[in-house]
Protein backbone atom coordinates (compact mmCIF):
# COMPACT_ATOMS: atom_id res chain seq x y z
CA UNK A 1 0.00 -0.01 0.03
CA UNK A 2 1.33 3.44 -0.97
CA UNK A 3 1.91 6.05 1.68
CA UNK A 4 1.31 8.87 -0.85
CA UNK A 5 -2.50 9.13 -0.36
CA UNK A 6 -2.06 9.35 3.44
CA UNK A 7 0.53 12.15 2.99
CA UNK A 8 -1.83 14.08 0.65
CA UNK A 9 -4.68 13.66 3.06
CA UNK A 10 -2.50 15.00 5.89
CA UNK A 11 -1.45 18.03 3.81
CA UNK A 12 -5.09 18.84 2.96
CA UNK A 13 -6.13 18.50 6.59
CA UNK A 14 -3.19 20.69 7.66
CA UNK A 15 -4.15 23.31 5.08
CA UNK A 16 -7.78 23.28 6.27
CA UNK A 17 -6.80 23.65 9.98
CA UNK A 18 -4.37 26.53 9.16
CA UNK A 19 -7.03 28.31 7.09
CA UNK A 20 -9.52 27.97 9.92
CA UNK A 21 -7.03 29.41 12.48
CA UNK A 22 -6.28 32.33 10.21
CA UNK A 23 -9.95 32.97 9.67
CA UNK A 24 -10.63 32.91 13.45
CA UNK A 25 -7.77 35.28 14.18
CA UNK A 26 -8.95 37.78 11.58
CA UNK A 27 -12.61 37.47 12.69
CA UNK A 28 -11.86 37.98 16.34
CA UNK A 29 -9.12 40.60 16.28
CA UNK A 30 -8.98 42.38 12.88
CA UNK A 31 -12.28 42.67 11.07
CA UNK A 32 -15.60 40.86 10.69
CA UNK A 33 -18.58 41.14 8.38
CA UNK A 34 -21.87 42.44 9.73
CA UNK A 35 -25.32 42.31 8.17
CA UNK A 36 -27.49 45.38 8.80
CA UNK A 37 -30.75 44.10 10.23
CA UNK A 38 -32.36 47.22 11.60
CA UNK A 39 -33.86 50.28 9.91
CA UNK A 40 -32.27 52.72 12.40
CA UNK A 41 -29.40 53.76 10.00
CA UNK A 42 -31.52 54.39 6.89
CA UNK A 43 -30.53 55.89 4.36
CA UNK A 44 -26.90 55.65 5.28
CA UNK A 45 -27.23 51.87 5.70
CA UNK A 46 -30.28 49.92 4.51
CA UNK A 47 -31.44 46.59 5.92
CA UNK A 48 -29.65 43.53 4.40
CA UNK A 49 -26.58 45.48 3.35
CA UNK A 50 -23.22 44.17 4.61
CA UNK A 51 -20.47 46.18 6.14
CA UNK A 52 -16.98 45.23 7.28
CA UNK A 53 -16.36 46.08 10.96
CA UNK A 54 -12.84 47.16 11.89
CA UNK A 55 -11.76 45.77 15.21
CA UNK A 56 -8.08 46.57 15.01
CA UNK A 57 -7.67 50.35 14.55
CA UNK A 58 -9.96 51.34 17.44
CA UNK A 59 -7.22 50.04 19.79
CA UNK A 60 -4.92 52.88 18.64
CA UNK A 61 -7.39 55.37 17.23
CA UNK A 62 -10.27 55.90 19.68
CA UNK A 63 -13.84 56.24 18.47
CA UNK A 64 -14.76 59.73 17.28
CA UNK A 65 -17.95 61.69 16.78
CA UNK A 66 -19.42 60.63 13.41
CA UNK A 67 -18.07 56.97 13.47
CA UNK A 68 -20.61 54.28 12.84
CA UNK A 69 -20.20 51.52 15.45
CA UNK A 70 -21.55 48.03 16.00
CA UNK A 71 -22.13 47.12 19.62
CA UNK A 72 -23.87 44.77 22.02
CA UNK A 73 -26.94 46.67 23.25
CA UNK A 74 -27.38 47.19 26.99
CA UNK A 75 -29.13 44.39 28.91
CA UNK A 76 -32.93 44.48 28.41
CA UNK A 77 -32.53 46.34 25.16
CA UNK A 78 -31.18 43.64 22.89
CA UNK A 79 -33.19 41.39 20.64
CA UNK A 80 -33.77 37.80 21.76
CA UNK A 81 -31.49 36.54 18.96
CA UNK A 82 -28.51 38.57 20.24
CA UNK A 83 -28.25 40.80 17.20
CA UNK A 84 -25.85 43.68 17.75
CA UNK A 85 -26.97 47.30 17.16
CA UNK A 86 -25.41 49.65 14.61
CA UNK A 87 -25.50 53.42 15.33
CA UNK A 88 -23.58 56.63 14.82
CA UNK A 89 -21.39 58.13 17.63
CA UNK A 90 -22.69 61.58 18.55
CA UNK A 91 -20.83 62.20 21.78
CA UNK A 92 -17.54 60.91 23.25
CA UNK A 93 -16.12 61.08 26.83
CA UNK A 94 -16.87 64.38 28.67
CA UNK A 95 -19.24 65.67 25.97
CA UNK A 96 -22.56 67.12 26.98
CA UNK A 97 -25.25 66.08 24.43
CA UNK A 98 -28.57 68.04 24.42
CA UNK A 99 -31.75 67.81 22.37
CA UNK A 100 -33.86 70.87 21.90
CA UNK A 101 -36.19 72.15 19.16
CA UNK A 102 -35.50 69.01 17.07
CA UNK A 103 -31.71 69.66 16.99
CA UNK A 104 -28.69 68.02 18.54
CA UNK A 105 -26.10 70.08 20.39
CA UNK A 106 -22.76 68.81 21.64
CA UNK A 107 -20.94 71.01 24.14
CA UNK A 108 -23.23 73.94 23.21
CA UNK A 109 -22.72 73.61 19.42
CA UNK A 110 -25.61 72.52 17.20
CA UNK A 111 -24.52 69.71 14.88
CA UNK A 112 -24.97 69.83 11.13
CA UNK A 113 -26.41 66.36 10.32
CA UNK A 114 -26.96 65.89 6.65
CA UNK A 115 -27.09 62.08 7.13
CA UNK A 116 -30.30 62.13 9.20
CA UNK A 117 -33.17 60.36 7.46
CA UNK A 118 -35.20 62.81 5.35
CA UNK A 119 -34.26 65.74 7.66
CA UNK A 120 -36.18 64.29 10.61
CA UNK A 121 -36.19 66.30 13.81
CA UNK A 122 -34.39 64.65 16.71
CA UNK A 123 -36.62 64.32 19.75
CA UNK A 124 -35.95 62.75 23.16
CA UNK A 125 -37.27 59.19 23.66
CA UNK A 126 -37.89 59.66 27.34
CA UNK A 127 -37.91 62.37 29.98
CA UNK A 128 -34.22 63.21 29.62
CA UNK A 129 -33.01 65.64 26.99
CA UNK A 130 -29.42 66.26 28.22
CA UNK A 131 -26.64 63.75 28.89
CA UNK A 132 -23.06 64.01 30.06
CA UNK A 133 -20.98 61.28 28.49
CA UNK A 134 -18.64 59.65 31.07
CA UNK A 135 -15.16 58.31 30.67
CA UNK A 136 -15.18 55.02 28.61
CA UNK A 137 -18.58 55.82 27.18
CA UNK A 138 -20.14 56.87 23.83
CA UNK A 139 -23.43 58.50 23.07
CA UNK A 140 -24.95 56.90 19.93
CA UNK A 141 -27.99 57.52 17.76
CA UNK A 142 -29.39 56.06 14.59
CA UNK A 143 -29.62 58.16 11.45
CA UNK A 144 -33.30 57.30 11.12
CA UNK A 145 -34.18 59.01 14.38
CA UNK A 146 -37.93 58.16 14.45
CA UNK A 147 -37.07 54.47 13.98
CA UNK A 148 -34.15 54.07 16.45
CA UNK A 149 -33.79 52.88 19.99
CA UNK A 150 -30.51 54.47 20.97
CA UNK A 151 -28.77 56.42 23.73
CA UNK A 152 -31.77 58.71 23.92
CA UNK A 153 -33.58 55.72 25.51
CA UNK A 154 -30.84 53.73 27.21
CA UNK A 155 -28.19 56.38 27.79
CA UNK A 156 -24.51 56.26 26.78
CA UNK A 157 -22.99 52.85 26.01
CA UNK A 158 -19.64 51.60 27.30
CA UNK A 159 -16.73 51.45 24.87
CA UNK A 160 -16.20 47.81 26.04
CA UNK A 161 -19.60 46.92 24.50
CA UNK A 162 -18.45 48.07 21.05
CA UNK A 163 -17.49 45.35 18.60
CA UNK A 164 -15.90 47.71 16.16
CA UNK A 165 -16.17 50.54 13.68
CA UNK A 166 -18.08 49.96 10.47
CA UNK A 167 -16.06 51.44 7.64
CA UNK A 168 -16.71 49.56 4.37
CA UNK A 169 -20.08 48.64 2.79
CA UNK A 170 -19.43 45.71 0.46
CA UNK A 171 -22.82 44.21 -0.39
CA UNK A 172 -24.78 44.59 -2.53
CA UNK A 173 -21.92 45.31 -4.93
CA UNK A 174 -23.69 48.37 -6.30
CA UNK A 175 -23.34 50.02 -2.86
CA UNK A 176 -19.67 49.10 -2.43
CA UNK A 177 -17.63 51.89 -0.81
CA UNK A 178 -16.04 53.36 2.28
CA UNK A 179 -18.67 54.80 4.67
CA UNK A 180 -18.30 58.57 4.99
CA UNK A 181 -17.49 59.81 8.49
CA UNK A 182 -18.55 63.35 9.07
CA UNK A 183 -16.30 65.60 11.17
CA UNK A 184 -17.49 68.23 13.53
CA UNK A 185 -14.65 70.80 13.75
CA UNK A 186 -16.96 73.34 15.31
CA UNK A 187 -17.46 71.15 18.41
CA UNK A 188 -14.90 71.76 21.12
CA UNK A 189 -14.11 69.28 23.89
CA UNK A 190 -15.19 70.03 27.43
CA UNK A 191 -13.00 69.60 30.48
CA UNK A 192 -13.61 66.39 32.43
């Protein structure tokens, strides 16, 4: 009996195991695909589009206002199937986020938000209309404000709950491209 078929089988098995290990390393530490399942980011992201979530660069480049993040929702807010949420960062540590007259202000500056769904006004979802974002927290909202459960309802989220930063839309192919991240140069940081 020839030992050649056993050697080939071992090489194939070795290649499959190595491929699986590389895939798991990339998926857990570098990037992972995410299917948009909510309508809260319309028209920026539509349901059933796929984005690539960057897990690596947030370790050296902290989340900024305007980033789109995927995160585990707070307890009692998540769906039963464990689906992560996807929202836009509005406030970072030490920011004061306020809602008044349908507008969002951060540290006293009204944000220009061209990405908001059909120019919807931003209204509070509860009794609070002003939040101070603590250290290690982010204030997030969906772009489709009238169809989003976000920090207006459950308050700021912890940075630890964030899976990563969505940066590339890759499916459907017609929508392929880097997700634009607005900057807010007019917003100044507040002292802790």
